[in-house]
Amino acid sequence: MYWEEPVNSTPTIPCDLPLRMELNLNYPQSYLLLLNRGLNTRFLVCPSLAFAPDNKIDQPPILLPQMGSIATQKNRFIKFDGEGVEEYLGIVSEKPIEIDGLTRNPKQQFPILEDDILNQLWQQLQQQQNWQVFYQSFQVVKHQP
């Protein structure tokens, strides 16, 4: 018997290329919060005016950027500017989360996740009966043509 080093199973995505995201979550009539943490950033992706103004799940798949988002209006996509790790935390809840910092605000099209907003989020989730959490990380690498 011998020891084998585990194979890095983190999926890779290219930087500097326009991308779309597809989420296959089968939770109809539920609500999605999609949080992103990059090397120096913490953003709310869904709901956001930038990529996903509607966070109610009708049927899978959920495609980002959504129709009606600022990104689709300007013919833009998801794009990572540099190498590193991008992490996504998806929270599906039966009821919408009502926090001022998470509402669709024209002045903050891509909400930044501050500590107080995250604390409010966890407090509201504790009051809900049924919610699910999903996590995925990606290694962003230089594009190989």
N, C-alpha and C. Protein backbone atom coordinates (compact mmCIF):
# COMPACT_ATOMS: atom_id res chain seq x y z
N MET A 1 0.85 -1.17 0.00
CA MET A 1 0.00 0.00 0.00
C MET A 1 0.90 1.24 0.00
N TYR A 2 0.49 2.26 -0.73
CA TYR A 2 1.28 3.48 -0.80
C TYR A 2 0.36 4.69 -0.77
N TRP A 3 0.93 5.80 -0.40
CA TRP A 3 0.19 7.05 -0.29
C TRP A 3 0.21 7.79 -1.61
N GLU A 4 -0.95 8.26 -2.04
CA GLU A 4 -1.03 9.09 -3.24
C GLU A 4 -1.48 10.48 -2.83
N GLU A 5 -0.81 11.46 -3.39
CA GLU A 5 -1.23 12.84 -3.15
C GLU A 5 -2.61 13.04 -3.78
N PRO A 6 -3.52 13.70 -3.07
CA PRO A 6 -4.83 13.95 -3.66
C PRO A 6 -4.71 14.85 -4.89
N VAL A 7 -5.52 14.56 -5.87
CA VAL A 7 -5.55 15.36 -7.09
C VAL A 7 -6.35 16.63 -6.80
N ASN A 8 -5.84 17.77 -7.25
CA ASN A 8 -6.55 19.02 -7.07
C ASN A 8 -7.85 18.97 -7.87
N SER A 9 -8.96 18.96 -7.16
CA SER A 9 -10.25 18.84 -7.83
C SER A 9 -10.95 20.18 -7.99
N THR A 10 -10.26 21.27 -7.68
CA THR A 10 -10.87 22.58 -7.84
C THR A 10 -10.99 22.89 -9.33
N PRO A 11 -12.20 23.15 -9.81
CA PRO A 11 -12.37 23.48 -11.22
C PRO A 11 -11.63 24.78 -11.57
N THR A 12 -11.20 24.88 -12.80
CA THR A 12 -10.52 26.10 -13.25
C THR A 12 -11.40 26.83 -14.26
N ILE A 13 -11.27 28.15 -14.23
CA ILE A 13 -11.94 28.99 -15.21
C ILE A 13 -10.91 30.02 -15.70
N PRO A 14 -11.05 30.47 -16.94
CA PRO A 14 -10.05 31.40 -17.48
C PRO A 14 -10.31 32.84 -17.05
N CYS A 15 -9.23 33.59 -16.86
CA CYS A 15 -9.40 35.02 -16.60
C CYS A 15 -9.40 35.76 -17.94
N ASP A 16 -9.92 36.96 -17.90
CA ASP A 16 -9.97 37.85 -19.06
C ASP A 16 -10.82 37.33 -20.22
N LEU A 17 -11.76 36.43 -19.94
CA LEU A 17 -12.70 35.98 -20.96
C LEU A 17 -14.12 36.20 -20.45
N PRO A 18 -15.04 36.63 -21.32
CA PRO A 18 -16.43 36.79 -20.89
C PRO A 18 -17.08 35.43 -20.65
N LEU A 19 -17.74 35.29 -19.50
CA LEU A 19 -18.35 34.02 -19.11
C LEU A 19 -19.80 34.23 -18.69
N ARG A 20 -20.55 33.14 -18.75
CA ARG A 20 -21.90 33.08 -18.18
C ARG A 20 -21.87 32.01 -17.09
N MET A 21 -22.75 32.15 -16.13
CA MET A 21 -22.84 31.18 -15.05
C MET A 21 -24.19 30.48 -15.14
N GLU A 22 -24.18 29.17 -14.95
CA GLU A 22 -25.41 28.38 -14.96
C GLU A 22 -25.51 27.66 -13.62
N LEU A 23 -26.62 27.88 -12.92
CA LEU A 23 -26.87 27.24 -11.63
C LEU A 23 -28.04 26.29 -11.77
N ASN A 24 -27.81 25.03 -11.49
CA ASN A 24 -28.87 24.03 -11.58
C ASN A 24 -29.39 23.72 -10.18
N LEU A 25 -30.24 24.58 -9.70
CA LEU A 25 -30.84 24.43 -8.38
C LEU A 25 -32.32 24.14 -8.55
N ASN A 26 -32.76 22.99 -8.11
CA ASN A 26 -34.15 22.59 -8.27
C ASN A 26 -34.94 22.91 -7.00
N TYR A 27 -35.15 24.19 -6.77
CA TYR A 27 -35.90 24.67 -5.62
C TYR A 27 -36.92 25.70 -6.10
N PRO A 28 -37.95 25.26 -6.85
CA PRO A 28 -38.92 26.22 -7.39
C PRO A 28 -39.62 26.99 -6.28
N GLN A 29 -39.92 28.24 -6.59
CA GLN A 29 -40.61 29.16 -5.70
C GLN A 29 -39.80 29.49 -4.44
N SER A 30 -38.49 29.29 -4.50
CA SER A 30 -37.60 29.68 -3.41
C SER A 30 -36.81 30.89 -3.85
N TYR A 31 -35.94 31.37 -2.97
CA TYR A 31 -35.17 32.58 -3.24
C TYR A 31 -33.69 32.28 -3.11
N LEU A 32 -32.91 32.86 -4.02
CA LEU A 32 -31.47 32.61 -4.05
C LEU A 32 -30.70 33.86 -3.67
N LEU A 33 -29.75 33.67 -2.77
CA LEU A 33 -28.71 34.67 -2.52
C LEU A 33 -27.42 34.03 -2.99
N LEU A 34 -26.68 34.72 -3.83
CA LEU A 34 -25.40 34.20 -4.31
C LEU A 34 -24.32 35.20 -3.94
N LEU A 35 -23.44 34.77 -3.04
CA LEU A 35 -22.37 35.61 -2.55
C LEU A 35 -21.06 35.19 -3.21
N ASN A 36 -20.22 36.16 -3.48
CA ASN A 36 -18.93 35.89 -4.12
C ASN A 36 -17.81 36.49 -3.28
N ARG A 37 -16.74 35.70 -3.10
CA ARG A 37 -15.54 36.21 -2.45
C ARG A 37 -14.36 35.93 -3.37
N GLY A 38 -13.68 37.00 -3.74
CA GLY A 38 -12.47 36.89 -4.55
C GLY A 38 -11.27 37.19 -3.69
N LEU A 39 -10.16 37.46 -4.33
CA LEU A 39 -8.92 37.73 -3.61
C LEU A 39 -9.06 38.92 -2.67
N ASN A 40 -9.67 40.00 -3.14
CA ASN A 40 -9.81 41.21 -2.32
C ASN A 40 -11.24 41.72 -2.27
N THR A 41 -12.21 40.90 -2.63
CA THR A 41 -13.58 41.39 -2.76
C THR A 41 -14.58 40.44 -2.11
N ARG A 42 -15.73 41.00 -1.73
CA ARG A 42 -16.90 40.24 -1.28
C ARG A 42 -18.12 40.95 -1.85
N PHE A 43 -18.78 40.29 -2.79
CA PHE A 43 -19.91 40.90 -3.48
C PHE A 43 -21.15 40.02 -3.36
N LEU A 44 -22.30 40.66 -3.51
CA LEU A 44 -23.56 39.96 -3.67
C LEU A 44 -23.83 39.92 -5.17
N VAL A 45 -23.89 38.73 -5.73
CA VAL A 45 -24.13 38.57 -7.16
C VAL A 45 -25.62 38.49 -7.45
N CYS A 46 -26.36 37.81 -6.58
CA CYS A 46 -27.79 37.64 -6.77
C CYS A 46 -28.49 37.80 -5.42
N PRO A 47 -29.40 38.76 -5.28
CA PRO A 47 -29.84 39.70 -6.29
C PRO A 47 -28.89 40.90 -6.39
N SER A 48 -28.71 41.37 -7.58
CA SER A 48 -27.97 42.61 -7.82
C SER A 48 -28.44 43.17 -9.15
N LEU A 49 -28.43 44.47 -9.26
CA LEU A 49 -28.80 45.08 -10.54
C LEU A 49 -27.79 44.75 -11.61
N ALA A 50 -26.54 44.52 -11.21
CA ALA A 50 -25.48 44.26 -12.18
C ALA A 50 -25.69 42.95 -12.92
N PHE A 51 -26.02 41.86 -12.20
CA PHE A 51 -26.08 40.54 -12.83
C PHE A 51 -27.41 39.79 -12.67
N ALA A 52 -28.12 40.01 -11.58
CA ALA A 52 -29.30 39.19 -11.32
C ALA A 52 -30.34 39.97 -10.51
N PRO A 53 -31.15 40.79 -11.18
CA PRO A 53 -32.13 41.57 -10.44
C PRO A 53 -33.25 40.74 -9.81
N ASP A 54 -33.48 39.54 -10.30
CA ASP A 54 -34.56 38.70 -9.77
C ASP A 54 -33.96 37.48 -9.08
N ASN A 55 -34.21 37.32 -7.80
CA ASN A 55 -33.63 36.18 -7.09
C ASN A 55 -34.65 35.08 -6.77
N LYS A 56 -35.86 35.19 -7.31
CA LYS A 56 -36.83 34.11 -7.13
C LYS A 56 -36.54 33.01 -8.14
N ILE A 57 -36.49 31.78 -7.66
CA ILE A 57 -36.20 30.64 -8.51
C ILE A 57 -37.51 30.12 -9.09
N ASP A 58 -37.66 30.22 -10.40
CA ASP A 58 -38.84 29.66 -11.05
C ASP A 58 -38.59 28.21 -11.43
N GLN A 59 -37.57 28.01 -12.24
CA GLN A 59 -37.18 26.65 -12.64
C GLN A 59 -35.72 26.69 -13.05
N PRO A 60 -35.03 25.56 -12.87
CA PRO A 60 -33.62 25.53 -13.27
C PRO A 60 -33.50 25.44 -14.79
N PRO A 61 -32.39 25.82 -15.35
CA PRO A 61 -31.25 26.44 -14.68
C PRO A 61 -31.43 27.94 -14.54
N ILE A 62 -30.68 28.51 -13.60
CA ILE A 62 -30.61 29.96 -13.44
C ILE A 62 -29.38 30.41 -14.23
N LEU A 63 -29.57 31.33 -15.15
CA LEU A 63 -28.46 31.82 -15.97
C LEU A 63 -28.08 33.23 -15.54
N LEU A 64 -26.79 33.44 -15.37
CA LEU A 64 -26.26 34.76 -15.02
C LEU A 64 -25.25 35.18 -16.07
N PRO A 65 -25.26 36.41 -16.51
CA PRO A 65 -26.18 37.46 -16.11
C PRO A 65 -27.60 37.21 -16.63
N GLN A 66 -28.57 37.67 -15.83
CA GLN A 66 -29.98 37.51 -16.19
C GLN A 66 -30.41 38.56 -17.21
N MET A 67 -31.44 38.22 -17.94
CA MET A 67 -32.07 39.20 -18.82
C MET A 67 -32.58 40.33 -17.93
N GLY A 68 -32.41 41.55 -18.38
CA GLY A 68 -32.85 42.70 -17.60
C GLY A 68 -31.79 43.25 -16.67
N SER A 69 -30.68 42.56 -16.52
CA SER A 69 -29.60 43.06 -15.67
C SER A 69 -28.82 44.13 -16.42
N ILE A 70 -28.07 44.92 -15.70
CA ILE A 70 -27.23 45.94 -16.33
C ILE A 70 -26.22 45.28 -17.26
N ALA A 71 -25.71 44.13 -16.88
CA ALA A 71 -24.73 43.42 -17.72
C ALA A 71 -25.32 43.08 -19.08
N THR A 72 -26.55 42.56 -19.13
CA THR A 72 -27.14 42.21 -20.43
C THR A 72 -27.52 43.46 -21.22
N GLN A 73 -27.94 44.51 -20.53
CA GLN A 73 -28.27 45.76 -21.23
C GLN A 73 -27.05 46.34 -21.92
N LYS A 74 -25.87 46.13 -21.33
CA LYS A 74 -24.63 46.67 -21.90
C LYS A 74 -23.82 45.60 -22.62
N ASN A 75 -24.46 44.43 -22.84
CA ASN A 75 -23.81 43.31 -23.53
C ASN A 75 -22.49 42.91 -22.86
N ARG A 76 -22.55 42.77 -21.53
CA ARG A 76 -21.38 42.38 -20.75
C ARG A 76 -21.64 41.03 -20.11
N PHE A 77 -20.56 40.39 -19.70
CA PHE A 77 -20.65 39.07 -19.08
C PHE A 77 -19.84 39.07 -17.80
N ILE A 78 -19.79 37.93 -17.14
CA ILE A 78 -18.95 37.77 -15.96
C ILE A 78 -17.52 37.63 -16.45
N LYS A 79 -16.61 38.38 -15.83
CA LYS A 79 -15.22 38.35 -16.27
C LYS A 79 -14.31 38.54 -15.07
N PHE A 80 -13.31 37.69 -14.96
CA PHE A 80 -12.34 37.78 -13.88
C PHE A 80 -11.06 38.39 -14.43
N ASP A 81 -10.58 39.43 -13.76
CA ASP A 81 -9.44 40.19 -14.28
C ASP A 81 -8.08 39.58 -13.97
N GLY A 82 -8.00 38.73 -12.97
CA GLY A 82 -6.69 38.19 -12.62
C GLY A 82 -6.79 36.79 -12.05
N GLU A 83 -5.64 36.18 -11.87
CA GLU A 83 -5.59 34.82 -11.34
C GLU A 83 -5.87 34.82 -9.83
N GLY A 84 -6.34 33.68 -9.35
CA GLY A 84 -6.62 33.52 -7.92
C GLY A 84 -7.79 32.58 -7.72
N VAL A 85 -8.34 32.60 -6.53
CA VAL A 85 -9.47 31.75 -6.19
C VAL A 85 -10.72 32.61 -6.08
N GLU A 86 -11.78 32.16 -6.71
CA GLU A 86 -13.10 32.79 -6.58
C GLU A 86 -14.00 31.79 -5.88
N GLU A 87 -14.68 32.24 -4.83
CA GLU A 87 -15.57 31.37 -4.07
C GLU A 87 -17.00 31.89 -4.16
N TYR A 88 -17.93 30.96 -4.26
CA TYR A 88 -19.34 31.29 -4.32
C TYR A 88 -20.08 30.53 -3.24
N LEU A 89 -20.93 31.25 -2.53
CA LEU A 89 -21.79 30.65 -1.52
C LEU A 89 -23.22 30.96 -1.94
N GLY A 90 -23.99 29.92 -2.21
CA GLY A 90 -25.38 30.07 -2.59
C GLY A 90 -26.27 29.70 -1.42
N ILE A 91 -27.24 30.52 -1.13
CA ILE A 91 -28.20 30.25 -0.05
C ILE A 91 -29.59 30.27 -0.67
N VAL A 92 -30.30 29.17 -0.54
CA VAL A 92 -31.67 29.06 -1.04
C VAL A 92 -32.60 29.05 0.16
N SER A 93 -33.56 29.96 0.18
CA SER A 93 -34.50 30.06 1.30
C SER A 93 -35.93 30.05 0.79
N GLU A 94 -36.85 29.64 1.68
CA GLU A 94 -38.26 29.62 1.30
C GLU A 94 -38.85 31.02 1.23
N LYS A 95 -38.33 31.92 2.07
CA LYS A 95 -38.83 33.29 2.12
C LYS A 95 -37.71 34.24 1.70
N PRO A 96 -38.07 35.38 1.13
CA PRO A 96 -37.02 36.33 0.76
C PRO A 96 -36.34 36.90 2.00
N ILE A 97 -35.07 37.21 1.86
CA ILE A 97 -34.31 37.86 2.92
C ILE A 97 -34.46 39.36 2.74
N GLU A 98 -34.87 40.05 3.79
CA GLU A 98 -35.10 41.50 3.71
C GLU A 98 -34.05 42.23 4.54
N ILE A 99 -32.99 42.68 3.88
CA ILE A 99 -31.93 43.45 4.53
C ILE A 99 -31.63 44.64 3.63
N ASP A 100 -31.57 45.84 4.22
CA ASP A 100 -31.36 47.05 3.43
C ASP A 100 -30.15 46.95 2.51
N GLY A 101 -29.05 46.42 2.98
CA GLY A 101 -27.84 46.33 2.18
C GLY A 101 -27.93 45.33 1.04
N LEU A 102 -28.98 44.51 1.04
CA LEU A 102 -29.14 43.50 -0.01
C LEU A 102 -30.26 43.84 -0.99
N THR A 103 -30.89 44.98 -0.82
CA THR A 103 -31.96 45.34 -1.73
C THR A 103 -31.38 45.93 -3.01
N ARG A 104 -32.17 45.91 -4.05
CA ARG A 104 -31.73 46.42 -5.35
C ARG A 104 -31.65 47.95 -5.29
N ASN A 105 -30.44 48.45 -5.23
CA ASN A 105 -30.20 49.87 -5.04
C ASN A 105 -29.45 50.42 -6.25
N PRO A 106 -30.04 51.38 -6.98
CA PRO A 106 -29.36 51.91 -8.17
C PRO A 106 -27.99 52.52 -7.86
N LYS A 107 -27.79 52.98 -6.62
CA LYS A 107 -26.50 53.56 -6.26
C LYS A 107 -25.44 52.49 -5.99
N GLN A 108 -25.89 51.28 -5.73
CA GLN A 108 -24.96 50.17 -5.46
C GLN A 108 -25.42 48.98 -6.31
N GLN A 109 -25.02 48.99 -7.58
CA GLN A 109 -25.48 47.99 -8.53
C GLN A 109 -24.92 46.60 -8.25
N PHE A 110 -23.79 46.55 -7.57
CA PHE A 110 -23.12 45.29 -7.24
C PHE A 110 -22.78 45.37 -5.76
N PRO A 111 -23.74 45.03 -4.86
CA PRO A 111 -23.56 45.26 -3.43
C PRO A 111 -22.31 44.60 -2.85
N ILE A 112 -21.59 45.38 -2.05
CA ILE A 112 -20.42 44.88 -1.34
C ILE A 112 -20.90 44.30 -0.01
N LEU A 113 -20.41 43.13 0.33
CA LEU A 113 -20.86 42.45 1.55
C LEU A 113 -20.00 42.88 2.74
N GLU A 114 -20.56 43.76 3.54
CA GLU A 114 -19.90 44.21 4.76
C GLU A 114 -20.25 43.26 5.90
N ASP A 115 -19.45 43.28 6.95
CA ASP A 115 -19.65 42.36 8.08
C ASP A 115 -21.04 42.50 8.70
N ASP A 116 -21.54 43.74 8.86
CA ASP A 116 -22.85 43.91 9.49
C ASP A 116 -23.97 43.31 8.64
N ILE A 117 -23.83 43.38 7.31
CA ILE A 117 -24.84 42.78 6.43
C ILE A 117 -24.81 41.26 6.58
N LEU A 118 -23.62 40.68 6.65
CA LEU A 118 -23.51 39.23 6.83
C LEU A 118 -24.10 38.80 8.17
N ASN A 119 -23.89 39.57 9.22
CA ASN A 119 -24.47 39.25 10.53
C ASN A 119 -26.00 39.29 10.47
N GLN A 120 -26.55 40.32 9.81
CA GLN A 120 -28.00 40.40 9.65
C GLN A 120 -28.54 39.22 8.84
N LEU A 121 -27.79 38.83 7.83
CA LEU A 121 -28.19 37.69 7.00
C LEU A 121 -28.31 36.43 7.85
N TRP A 122 -27.29 36.13 8.65
CA TRP A 122 -27.31 34.92 9.47
C TRP A 122 -28.43 34.98 10.50
N GLN A 123 -28.72 36.17 11.05
CA GLN A 123 -29.82 36.30 12.00
C GLN A 123 -31.15 35.99 11.34
N GLN A 124 -31.36 36.47 10.13
CA GLN A 124 -32.62 36.18 9.43
C GLN A 124 -32.73 34.71 9.04
N LEU A 125 -31.62 34.12 8.65
CA LEU A 125 -31.65 32.69 8.29
C LEU A 125 -32.00 31.83 9.51
N GLN A 126 -31.52 32.22 10.67
CA GLN A 126 -31.83 31.46 11.89
C GLN A 126 -33.33 31.47 12.19
N GLN A 127 -34.03 32.50 11.73
CA GLN A 127 -35.47 32.60 11.96
C GLN A 127 -36.29 31.80 10.95
N GLN A 128 -35.66 31.40 9.86
CA GLN A 128 -36.38 30.62 8.84
C GLN A 128 -36.27 29.13 9.14
N GLN A 129 -37.30 28.41 8.78
CA GLN A 129 -37.36 26.98 9.04
C GLN A 129 -36.50 26.16 8.08
N ASN A 130 -36.51 26.54 6.82
CA ASN A 130 -35.91 25.68 5.80
C ASN A 130 -35.06 26.49 4.84
N TRP A 131 -33.77 26.22 4.83
CA TRP A 131 -32.86 26.86 3.88
C TRP A 131 -31.69 25.93 3.62
N GLN A 132 -31.09 26.10 2.46
CA GLN A 132 -29.98 25.25 2.02
C GLN A 132 -28.79 26.13 1.66
N VAL A 133 -27.59 25.60 1.86
CA VAL A 133 -26.37 26.32 1.51
C VAL A 133 -25.55 25.47 0.54
N PHE A 134 -25.01 26.13 -0.49
CA PHE A 134 -24.17 25.47 -1.49
C PHE A 134 -22.88 26.26 -1.64
N TYR A 135 -21.79 25.56 -1.86
CA TYR A 135 -20.48 26.21 -1.99
C TYR A 135 -19.75 25.66 -3.21
N GLN A 136 -19.06 26.54 -3.91
CA GLN A 136 -18.19 26.12 -5.01
C GLN A 136 -17.06 27.13 -5.13
N SER A 137 -15.85 26.62 -5.29
CA SER A 137 -14.72 27.50 -5.54
C SER A 137 -14.15 27.17 -6.92
N PHE A 138 -13.49 28.17 -7.49
CA PHE A 138 -12.86 28.04 -8.80
C PHE A 138 -11.47 28.63 -8.73
N GLN A 139 -10.55 28.00 -9.40
CA GLN A 139 -9.22 28.56 -9.57
C GLN A 139 -9.23 29.32 -10.89
N VAL A 140 -9.01 30.62 -10.82
CA VAL A 140 -8.97 31.45 -12.03
C VAL A 140 -7.54 31.42 -12.55
N VAL A 141 -7.39 31.01 -13.80
CA VAL A 141 -6.06 30.84 -14.39
C VAL A 141 -5.95 31.64 -15.68
N LYS A 142 -4.73 31.88 -16.11
CA LYS A 142 -4.52 32.58 -17.38
C LYS A 142 -5.11 31.76 -18.51
N HIS A 143 -5.73 32.46 -19.43
CA HIS A 143 -6.36 31.82 -20.59
C HIS A 143 -5.29 31.24 -21.51
N GLN A 144 -5.46 29.98 -21.86
CA GLN A 144 -4.54 29.30 -22.79
C GLN A 144 -5.22 29.20 -24.14
N PRO A 145 -4.82 30.05 -25.12
CA PRO A 145 -5.49 30.02 -26.43
C PRO A 145 -5.27 28.72 -27.18
